[in-house]
Amino acid sequence: MKYFIDHKKKRIHHSQHAGDKCEFVTTPIEKREFTTDLSYVEKLVHKSNYSKCPHCREVLRAIK
């Protein structure tokens, strides 16, 4: 899975489901990162106080 990391707001999005509700459009390009490394994502969540975007998670739940 591909992840979009918003370093300004410390929020992790699922790239495929990120949209207007996620409110990342004001984040400067240099504060954005894309990755497929789940261990890196989990490290940010557990050690650096990043959170997973509730809007992306909501879309994922609706799909399942």
Protein backbone atom coordinates (compact mmCIF):
# COMPACT_ATOMS: atom_id res chain seq x y z
CA MET A 1 0.00 0.00 0.00
CA LYS A 2 1.17 3.53 -0.72
CA TYR A 3 1.14 6.14 2.02
CA PHE A 4 1.21 9.92 1.85
CA ILE A 5 2.80 11.53 4.90
CA ASP A 6 1.94 15.09 5.84
CA HIS A 7 4.86 16.18 8.03
CA LYS A 8 3.29 19.58 8.75
CA LYS A 9 0.21 18.09 10.42
CA LYS A 10 1.87 14.80 11.41
CA ARG A 11 -0.81 12.79 9.64
CA ILE A 12 -0.53 9.66 7.50
CA HIS A 13 -2.89 9.13 4.59
CA HIS A 14 -3.55 6.19 2.31
CA SER A 15 -2.48 7.68 -1.02
CA GLN A 16 -5.30 6.03 -2.91
CA HIS A 17 -7.98 7.45 -0.59
CA ALA A 18 -6.60 10.89 0.27
CA GLY A 19 -8.96 13.68 -0.71
CA ASP A 20 -10.35 17.10 0.14
CA LYS A 21 -11.61 16.02 3.58
CA CYS A 22 -8.02 15.19 4.58
CA GLU A 23 -7.10 18.90 4.52
CA PHE A 24 -3.53 18.51 3.29
CA VAL A 25 -3.75 21.04 0.46
CA THR A 26 -2.20 23.78 2.62
CA THR A 27 0.83 21.62 3.41
CA PRO A 28 3.88 22.78 1.42
CA ILE A 29 5.35 20.27 -1.05
CA GLU A 30 8.58 20.04 0.95
CA LYS A 31 6.57 18.82 3.96
CA ARG A 32 4.97 15.94 1.98
CA GLU A 33 6.39 12.47 1.52
CA PHE A 34 5.25 9.29 -0.22
CA THR A 35 6.28 5.81 0.90
CA THR A 36 5.33 2.15 0.69
CA ASP A 37 7.34 1.25 3.80
CA LEU A 38 4.82 0.10 6.42
CA SER A 39 7.48 -0.23 9.13
CA TYR A 40 8.46 3.42 8.61
CA VAL A 41 4.79 4.45 8.85
CA GLU A 42 4.30 2.46 12.06
CA LYS A 43 7.47 3.98 13.52
CA LEU A 44 6.11 7.49 12.88
CA VAL A 45 2.82 6.57 14.56
CA HIS A 46 4.35 4.92 17.62
CA LYS A 47 7.50 6.99 18.19
CA SER A 48 6.87 10.39 16.64
CA ASN A 49 3.19 10.98 17.50
CA TYR A 50 1.90 10.90 13.93
CA SER A 51 -1.71 9.83 13.45
CA LYS A 52 -3.50 7.98 10.70
CA CYS A 53 -5.99 10.14 8.85
CA PRO A 54 -9.54 9.41 10.04
CA HIS A 55 -10.99 10.32 6.63
CA CYS A 56 -8.81 7.80 4.77
CA ARG A 57 -9.64 5.15 7.35
CA GLU A 58 -13.34 5.92 6.94
CA VAL A 59 -13.08 5.27 3.18
CA LEU A 60 -11.23 2.01 3.81
CA ARG A 61 -13.94 0.79 6.19
CA ALA A 62 -16.64 1.62 3.64
CA ILE A 63 -14.85 -0.42 0.98
CA LYS A 64 -14.56 -3.53 3.14
